[in-house]
Amino acid sequence: MAQREARLRVPGDFGLALQQARMSRGLSQAELARQIGVSQSAVSEMGNGSGTIYLRRLLELARLSGLEFHATWSDDAPSR
């Protein structure tokens, strides 16, 4: 099982990590959207790094305070 990690500094980093982690678990945008109760287009926007103002502010607060966000996921899809 390969572990992947990404440092999240800007919404695009978050979007790419989300997209890669979703795909590594064998989930489509529609499946993920259904599981969390949002539209497929909302998942698409997040995956494209179209961060909301809240995500941008959160990442800016982290940068200014010296806090770092990291995402970690495995490449192995779980059995369903």
PDB file of N, CA and C in Angstrom:
ATOM      1  N   MET A   1       0.844  -1.163   0.000  1.00  0.00           N
ATOM      2  CA  MET A   1       0.000   0.000   0.000  1.00  0.00           C
ATOM      3  C   MET A   1       0.900   1.241   0.000  1.00  0.00           C
ATOM      4  N   ALA A   2       0.819   2.037  -1.043  1.00  0.00           N
ATOM      5  CA  ALA A   2       1.629   3.244  -1.156  1.00  0.00           C
ATOM      6  C   ALA A   2       0.936   4.398  -0.430  1.00  0.00           C
ATOM      7  N   GLN A   3       1.690   5.083   0.394  1.00  0.00           N
ATOM      8  CA  GLN A   3       1.176   6.254   1.093  1.00  0.00           C
ATOM      9  C   GLN A   3       1.549   7.499   0.304  1.00  0.00           C
ATOM     10  N   ARG A   4       0.626   8.404   0.165  1.00  0.00           N
ATOM     11  CA  ARG A   4       0.863   9.673  -0.515  1.00  0.00           C
ATOM     12  C   ARG A   4       0.664  10.795   0.490  1.00  0.00           C
ATOM     13  N   GLU A   5       1.372  11.880   0.268  1.00  0.00           N
ATOM     14  CA  GLU A   5       1.237  13.037   1.158  1.00  0.00           C
ATOM     15  C   GLU A   5       1.371  14.307   0.344  1.00  0.00           C
ATOM     16  N   ALA A   6       0.632  15.316   0.750  1.00  0.00           N
ATOM     17  CA  ALA A   6       0.707  16.619   0.095  1.00  0.00           C
ATOM     18  C   ALA A   6       0.658  17.708   1.158  1.00  0.00           C
ATOM     19  N   ARG A   7       1.418  18.733   0.937  1.00  0.00           N
ATOM     20  CA  ARG A   7       1.367  19.917   1.807  1.00  0.00           C
ATOM     21  C   ARG A   7       0.315  20.846   1.215  1.00  0.00           C
ATOM     22  N   LEU A   8      -0.609  21.305   2.043  1.00  0.00           N
ATOM     23  CA  LEU A   8      -1.718  22.136   1.588  1.00  0.00           C
ATOM     24  C   LEU A   8      -1.448  23.589   1.939  1.00  0.00           C
ATOM     25  N   ARG A   9      -1.109  24.370   0.910  1.00  0.00           N
ATOM     26  CA  ARG A   9      -0.786  25.784   1.119  1.00  0.00           C
ATOM     27  C   ARG A   9      -1.785  26.708   0.454  1.00  0.00           C
ATOM     28  N   VAL A  10      -2.338  26.277  -0.659  1.00  0.00           N
ATOM     29  CA  VAL A  10      -3.311  27.085  -1.412  1.00  0.00           C
ATOM     30  C   VAL A  10      -4.466  26.174  -1.815  1.00  0.00           C
ATOM     31  N   PRO A  11      -5.618  26.744  -2.182  1.00  0.00           N
ATOM     32  CA  PRO A  11      -6.766  25.910  -2.566  1.00  0.00           C
ATOM     33  C   PRO A  11      -6.442  24.885  -3.653  1.00  0.00           C
ATOM     34  N   GLY A  12      -5.549  25.219  -4.574  1.00  0.00           N
ATOM     35  CA  GLY A  12      -5.172  24.265  -5.615  1.00  0.00           C
ATOM     36  C   GLY A  12      -4.502  23.024  -5.052  1.00  0.00           C
ATOM     37  N   ASP A  13      -3.706  23.182  -3.993  1.00  0.00           N
ATOM     38  CA  ASP A  13      -3.081  22.032  -3.329  1.00  0.00           C
ATOM     39  C   ASP A  13      -4.161  21.127  -2.738  1.00  0.00           C
ATOM     40  N   PHE A  14      -5.133  21.760  -2.079  1.00  0.00           N
ATOM     41  CA  PHE A  14      -6.234  21.016  -1.487  1.00  0.00           C
ATOM     42  C   PHE A  14      -7.009  20.271  -2.577  1.00  0.00           C
ATOM     43  N   GLY A  15      -7.301  20.971  -3.671  1.00  0.00           N
ATOM     44  CA  GLY A  15      -8.059  20.375  -4.757  1.00  0.00           C
ATOM     45  C   GLY A  15      -7.363  19.175  -5.371  1.00  0.00           C
ATOM     46  N   LEU A  16      -6.066  19.295  -5.615  1.00  0.00           N
ATOM     47  CA  LEU A  16      -5.309  18.197  -6.212  1.00  0.00           C
ATOM     48  C   LEU A  16      -5.250  17.003  -5.263  1.00  0.00           C
ATOM     49  N   ALA A  17      -5.014  17.254  -3.979  1.00  0.00           N
ATOM     50  CA  ALA A  17      -4.976  16.166  -3.000  1.00  0.00           C
ATOM     51  C   ALA A  17      -6.335  15.474  -2.915  1.00  0.00           C
ATOM     52  N   LEU A  18      -7.400  16.259  -2.897  1.00  0.00           N
ATOM     53  CA  LEU A  18      -8.741  15.693  -2.846  1.00  0.00           C
ATOM     54  C   LEU A  18      -9.003  14.827  -4.074  1.00  0.00           C
ATOM     55  N   GLN A  19      -8.657  15.335  -5.234  1.00  0.00           N
ATOM     56  CA  GLN A  19      -8.869  14.598  -6.476  1.00  0.00           C
ATOM     57  C   GLN A  19      -8.083  13.287  -6.482  1.00  0.00           C
ATOM     58  N   GLN A  20      -6.819  13.338  -6.102  1.00  0.00           N
ATOM     59  CA  GLN A  20      -5.984  12.133  -6.110  1.00  0.00           C
ATOM     60  C   GLN A  20      -6.460  11.116  -5.074  1.00  0.00           C
ATOM     61  N   ALA A  21      -6.823  11.587  -3.882  1.00  0.00           N
ATOM     62  CA  ALA A  21      -7.300  10.675  -2.843  1.00  0.00           C
ATOM     63  C   ALA A  21      -8.634  10.041  -3.254  1.00  0.00           C
ATOM     64  N   ARG A  22      -9.530  10.820  -3.840  1.00  0.00           N
ATOM     65  CA  ARG A  22     -10.823  10.312  -4.297  1.00  0.00           C
ATOM     66  C   ARG A  22     -10.614   9.221  -5.339  1.00  0.00           C
ATOM     67  N   MET A  23      -9.759   9.496  -6.304  1.00  0.00           N
ATOM     68  CA  MET A  23      -9.507   8.545  -7.379  1.00  0.00           C
ATOM     69  C   MET A  23      -8.812   7.281  -6.855  1.00  0.00           C
ATOM     70  N   SER A  24      -7.910   7.432  -5.889  1.00  0.00           N
ATOM     71  CA  SER A  24      -7.212   6.265  -5.349  1.00  0.00           C
ATOM     72  C   SER A  24      -8.171   5.343  -4.606  1.00  0.00           C
ATOM     73  N   ARG A  25      -9.285   5.864  -4.144  1.00  0.00           N
ATOM     74  CA  ARG A  25     -10.292   5.056  -3.461  1.00  0.00           C
ATOM     75  C   ARG A  25     -11.364   4.553  -4.427  1.00  0.00           C
ATOM     76  N   GLY A  26     -11.194   4.868  -5.703  1.00  0.00           N
ATOM     77  CA  GLY A  26     -12.123   4.386  -6.710  1.00  0.00           C
ATOM     78  C   GLY A  26     -13.474   5.068  -6.685  1.00  0.00           C
ATOM     79  N   LEU A  27     -13.514   6.309  -6.188  1.00  0.00           N
ATOM     80  CA  LEU A  27     -14.773   7.056  -6.093  1.00  0.00           C
ATOM     81  C   LEU A  27     -14.892   8.054  -7.234  1.00  0.00           C
ATOM     82  N   SER A  28     -16.055   8.119  -7.830  1.00  0.00           N
ATOM     83  CA  SER A  28     -16.321   9.172  -8.810  1.00  0.00           C
ATOM     84  C   SER A  28     -16.714  10.432  -8.048  1.00  0.00           C
ATOM     85  N   GLN A  29     -16.727  11.542  -8.751  1.00  0.00           N
ATOM     86  CA  GLN A  29     -17.185  12.780  -8.125  1.00  0.00           C
ATOM     87  C   GLN A  29     -18.625  12.630  -7.649  1.00  0.00           C
ATOM     88  N   ALA A  30     -19.460  11.990  -8.454  1.00  0.00           N
ATOM     89  CA  ALA A  30     -20.872  11.812  -8.099  1.00  0.00           C
ATOM     90  C   ALA A  30     -21.029  10.947  -6.855  1.00  0.00           C
ATOM     91  N   GLU A  31     -20.220   9.872  -6.745  1.00  0.00           N
ATOM     92  CA  GLU A  31     -20.300   9.003  -5.568  1.00  0.00           C
ATOM     93  C   GLU A  31     -19.886   9.751  -4.309  1.00  0.00           C
ATOM     94  N   LEU A  32     -18.789  10.482  -4.392  1.00  0.00           N
ATOM     95  CA  LEU A  32     -18.328  11.248  -3.235  1.00  0.00           C
ATOM     96  C   LEU A  32     -19.357  12.308  -2.858  1.00  0.00           C
ATOM     97  N   ALA A  33     -19.893  12.995  -3.838  1.00  0.00           N
ATOM     98  CA  ALA A  33     -20.906  14.021  -3.580  1.00  0.00           C
ATOM     99  C   ALA A  33     -22.111  13.430  -2.865  1.00  0.00           C
ATOM    100  N   ARG A  34     -22.569  12.285  -3.319  1.00  0.00           N
ATOM    101  CA  ARG A  34     -23.727  11.623  -2.716  1.00  0.00           C
ATOM    102  C   ARG A  34     -23.430  11.259  -1.259  1.00  0.00           C
ATOM    103  N   GLN A  35     -22.209  10.774  -0.995  1.00  0.00           N
ATOM    104  CA  GLN A  35     -21.841  10.361   0.363  1.00  0.00           C
ATOM    105  C   GLN A  35     -21.800  11.528   1.343  1.00  0.00           C
ATOM    106  N   ILE A  36     -21.426  12.718   0.852  1.00  0.00           N
ATOM    107  CA  ILE A  36     -21.324  13.854   1.785  1.00  0.00           C
ATOM    108  C   ILE A  36     -22.487  14.827   1.668  1.00  0.00           C
ATOM    109  N   GLY A  37     -23.413  14.534   0.752  1.00  0.00           N
ATOM    110  CA  GLY A  37     -24.624  15.338   0.657  1.00  0.00           C
ATOM    111  C   GLY A  37     -24.463  16.675  -0.037  1.00  0.00           C
ATOM    112  N   VAL A  38     -23.611  16.712  -1.059  1.00  0.00           N
ATOM    113  CA  VAL A  38     -23.457  17.929  -1.859  1.00  0.00           C
ATOM    114  C   VAL A  38     -23.627  17.550  -3.328  1.00  0.00           C
ATOM    115  N   SER A  39     -23.673  18.543  -4.185  1.00  0.00           N
ATOM    116  CA  SER A  39     -23.805  18.283  -5.611  1.00  0.00           C
ATOM    117  C   SER A  39     -22.469  17.818  -6.198  1.00  0.00           C
ATOM    118  N   GLN A  40     -22.560  17.132  -7.336  1.00  0.00           N
ATOM    119  CA  GLN A  40     -21.352  16.711  -8.041  1.00  0.00           C
ATOM    120  C   GLN A  40     -20.548  17.923  -8.467  1.00  0.00           C
ATOM    121  N   SER A  41     -21.226  19.002  -8.839  1.00  0.00           N
ATOM    122  CA  SER A  41     -20.499  20.199  -9.263  1.00  0.00           C
ATOM    123  C   SER A  41     -19.710  20.816  -8.104  1.00  0.00           C
ATOM    124  N   ALA A  42     -20.215  20.672  -6.871  1.00  0.00           N
ATOM    125  CA  ALA A  42     -19.474  21.180  -5.705  1.00  0.00           C
ATOM    126  C   ALA A  42     -18.179  20.397  -5.522  1.00  0.00           C
ATOM    127  N   VAL A  43     -18.251  19.077  -5.680  1.00  0.00           N
ATOM    128  CA  VAL A  43     -17.036  18.240  -5.581  1.00  0.00           C
ATOM    129  C   VAL A  43     -16.076  18.607  -6.709  1.00  0.00           C
ATOM    130  N   SER A  44     -16.612  18.831  -7.906  1.00  0.00           N
ATOM    131  CA  SER A  44     -15.782  19.221  -9.042  1.00  0.00           C
ATOM    132  C   SER A  44     -15.058  20.534  -8.761  1.00  0.00           C
ATOM    133  N   GLU A  45     -15.764  21.517  -8.233  1.00  0.00           N
ATOM    134  CA  GLU A  45     -15.150  22.810  -7.924  1.00  0.00           C
ATOM    135  C   GLU A  45     -14.044  22.663  -6.887  1.00  0.00           C
ATOM    136  N   MET A  46     -14.282  21.849  -5.853  1.00  0.00           N
ATOM    137  CA  MET A  46     -13.251  21.627  -4.837  1.00  0.00           C
ATOM    138  C   MET A  46     -12.035  20.938  -5.454  1.00  0.00           C
ATOM    139  N   GLY A  47     -12.279  19.940  -6.306  1.00  0.00           N
ATOM    140  CA  GLY A  47     -11.197  19.207  -6.952  1.00  0.00           C
ATOM    141  C   GLY A  47     -10.400  20.054  -7.923  1.00  0.00           C
ATOM    142  N   ASN A  48     -11.035  21.095  -8.458  1.00  0.00           N
ATOM    143  CA  ASN A  48     -10.333  22.006  -9.368  1.00  0.00           C
ATOM    144  C   ASN A  48      -9.601  23.111  -8.624  1.00  0.00           C
ATOM    145  N   GLY A  49      -9.694  23.110  -7.301  1.00  0.00           N
ATOM    146  CA  GLY A  49      -9.016  24.130  -6.507  1.00  0.00           C
ATOM    147  C   GLY A  49      -9.751  25.443  -6.442  1.00  0.00           C
ATOM    148  N   SER A  50     -11.015  25.433  -6.833  1.00  0.00           N
ATOM    149  CA  SER A  50     -11.832  26.648  -6.731  1.00  0.00           C
ATOM    150  C   SER A  50     -12.261  26.798  -5.278  1.00  0.00           C
ATOM    151  N   GLY A  51     -11.320  27.221  -4.465  1.00  0.00           N
ATOM    152  CA  GLY A  51     -11.572  27.315  -3.035  1.00  0.00           C
ATOM    153  C   GLY A  51     -12.557  28.406  -2.681  1.00  0.00           C
ATOM    154  N   THR A  52     -13.326  28.140  -1.676  1.00  0.00           N
ATOM    155  CA  THR A  52     -14.223  29.165  -1.167  1.00  0.00           C
ATOM    156  C   THR A  52     -13.409  30.217  -0.424  1.00  0.00           C
ATOM    157  N   ILE A  53     -14.042  31.319  -0.142  1.00  0.00           N
ATOM    158  CA  ILE A  53     -13.378  32.376   0.628  1.00  0.00           C
ATOM    159  C   ILE A  53     -12.943  31.844   1.996  1.00  0.00           C
ATOM    160  N   TYR A  54     -13.706  30.906   2.562  1.00  0.00           N
ATOM    161  CA  TYR A  54     -13.361  30.354   3.868  1.00  0.00           C
ATOM    162  C   TYR A  54     -12.098  29.499   3.789  1.00  0.00           C
ATOM    163  N   LEU A  55     -11.971  28.707   2.737  1.00  0.00           N
ATOM    164  CA  LEU A  55     -10.764  27.901   2.579  1.00  0.00           C
ATOM    165  C   LEU A  55      -9.561  28.801   2.356  1.00  0.00           C
ATOM    166  N   ARG A  56      -9.715  29.817   1.528  1.00  0.00           N
ATOM    167  CA  ARG A  56      -8.608  30.757   1.304  1.00  0.00           C
ATOM    168  C   ARG A  56      -8.189  31.441   2.606  1.00  0.00           C
ATOM    169  N   ARG A  57      -9.159  31.862   3.383  1.00  0.00           N
ATOM    170  CA  ARG A  57      -8.853  32.519   4.665  1.00  0.00           C
ATOM    171  C   ARG A  57      -8.201  31.556   5.641  1.00  0.00           C
ATOM    172  N   LEU A  58      -8.708  30.340   5.684  1.00  0.00           N
ATOM    173  CA  LEU A  58      -8.131  29.342   6.578  1.00  0.00           C
ATOM    174  C   LEU A  58      -6.671  29.069   6.229  1.00  0.00           C
ATOM    175  N   LEU A  59      -6.389  28.911   4.958  1.00  0.00           N
ATOM    176  CA  LEU A  59      -5.012  28.666   4.536  1.00  0.00           C
ATOM    177  C   LEU A  59      -4.117  29.878   4.782  1.00  0.00           C
ATOM    178  N   GLU A  60      -4.650  31.070   4.611  1.00  0.00           N
ATOM    179  CA  GLU A  60      -3.879  32.285   4.886  1.00  0.00           C
ATOM    180  C   GLU A  60      -3.609  32.419   6.386  1.00  0.00           C
ATOM    181  N   LEU A  61      -4.615  32.130   7.216  1.00  0.00           N
ATOM    182  CA  LEU A  61      -4.411  32.149   8.674  1.00  0.00           C
ATOM    183  C   LEU A  61      -3.333  31.145   9.077  1.00  0.00           C
ATOM    184  N   ALA A  62      -3.377  29.970   8.483  1.00  0.00           N
ATOM    185  CA  ALA A  62      -2.372  28.952   8.789  1.00  0.00           C
ATOM    186  C   ALA A  62      -0.989  29.443   8.404  1.00  0.00           C
ATOM    187  N   ARG A  63      -0.866  30.013   7.201  1.00  0.00           N
ATOM    188  CA  ARG A  63       0.438  30.507   6.743  1.00  0.00           C
ATOM    189  C   ARG A  63       0.977  31.580   7.682  1.00  0.00           C
ATOM    190  N   LEU A  64       0.133  32.520   8.045  1.00  0.00           N
ATOM    191  CA  LEU A  64       0.574  33.632   8.888  1.00  0.00           C
ATOM    192  C   LEU A  64       0.919  33.200  10.309  1.00  0.00           C
ATOM    193  N   SER A  65       0.285  32.142  10.776  1.00  0.00           N
ATOM    194  CA  SER A  65       0.553  31.680  12.137  1.00  0.00           C
ATOM    195  C   SER A  65       1.585  30.563  12.197  1.00  0.00           C
ATOM    196  N   GLY A  66       2.095  30.149  11.028  1.00  0.00           N
ATOM    197  CA  GLY A  66       3.107  29.106  11.003  1.00  0.00           C
ATOM    198  C   GLY A  66       2.544  27.693  11.040  1.00  0.00           C
ATOM    199  N   LEU A  67       1.241  27.561  10.926  1.00  0.00           N
ATOM    200  CA  LEU A  67       0.594  26.250  10.923  1.00  0.00           C
ATOM    201  C   LEU A  67       0.650  25.658   9.526  1.00  0.00           C
ATOM    202  N   GLU A  68       0.899  24.367   9.430  1.00  0.00           N
ATOM    203  CA  GLU A  68       0.932  23.696   8.139  1.00  0.00           C
ATOM    204  C   GLU A  68      -0.118  22.593   8.110  1.00  0.00           C
ATOM    205  N   PHE A  69      -0.808  22.489   6.981  1.00  0.00           N
ATOM    206  CA  PHE A  69      -1.763  21.407   6.764  1.00  0.00           C
ATOM    207  C   PHE A  69      -1.138  20.401   5.815  1.00  0.00           C
ATOM    208  N   HIS A  70      -1.319  19.125   6.127  1.00  0.00           N
ATOM    209  CA  HIS A  70      -0.850  18.048   5.270  1.00  0.00           C
ATOM    210  C   HIS A  70      -2.001  17.076   5.064  1.00  0.00           C
ATOM    211  N   ALA A  71      -2.063  16.505   3.887  1.00  0.00           N
ATOM    212  CA  ALA A  71      -3.042  15.467   3.586  1.00  0.00           C
ATOM    213  C   ALA A  71      -2.276  14.180   3.324  1.00  0.00           C
ATOM    214  N   THR A  72      -2.769  13.077   3.846  1.00  0.00           N
ATOM    215  CA  THR A  72      -2.155  11.779   3.645  1.00  0.00           C
ATOM    216  C   THR A  72      -3.233  10.787   3.230  1.00  0.00           C
ATOM    217  N   TRP A  73      -2.947   9.975   2.213  1.00  0.00           N
ATOM    218  CA  TRP A  73      -3.887   8.953   1.762  1.00  0.00           C
ATOM    219  C   TRP A  73      -3.112   7.794   1.187  1.00  0.00           C
ATOM    220  N   SER A  74      -3.777   6.659   1.076  1.00  0.00           N
ATOM    221  CA  SER A  74      -3.140   5.478   0.480  1.00  0.00           C
ATOM    222  C   SER A  74      -3.678   5.278  -0.928  1.00  0.00           C
ATOM    223  N   ASP A  75      -2.905   4.615  -1.758  1.00  0.00           N
ATOM    224  CA  ASP A  75      -3.290   4.356  -3.138  1.00  0.00           C
ATOM    225  C   ASP A  75      -4.176   3.141  -3.280  1.00  0.00           C
ATOM    226  N   ASP A  76      -4.414   2.421  -2.235  1.00  0.00           N
ATOM    227  CA  ASP A  76      -5.211   1.199  -2.335  1.00  0.00           C
ATOM    228  C   ASP A  76      -6.683   1.497  -2.059  1.00  0.00           C
ATOM    229  N   ALA A  77      -7.518   1.156  -3.017  1.00  0.00           N
ATOM    230  CA  ALA A  77      -8.961   1.317  -2.851  1.00  0.00           C
ATOM    231  C   ALA A  77      -9.454   0.262  -1.856  1.00  0.00           C
ATOM    232  N   PRO A  78     -10.314   0.665  -0.924  1.00  0.00           N
ATOM    233  CA  PRO A  78     -10.851  -0.321   0.031  1.00  0.00           C
ATOM    234  C   PRO A  78     -11.834  -1.242  -0.667  1.00  0.00           C
ATOM    235  N   SER A  79     -11.976  -2.428  -0.150  1.00  0.00           N
ATOM    236  CA  SER A  79     -12.978  -3.323  -0.732  1.00  0.00           C
ATOM    237  C   SER A  79     -14.350  -2.862  -0.279  1.00  0.00           C
ATOM    238  N   ARG A  80     -15.290  -2.912  -1.214  1.00  0.00           N
ATOM    239  CA  ARG A  80     -16.652  -2.448  -0.883  1.00  0.00           C
ATOM    240  C   ARG A  80     -17.587  -3.604  -0.734  1.00  0.00           C
TER     241      ARG A  80
END
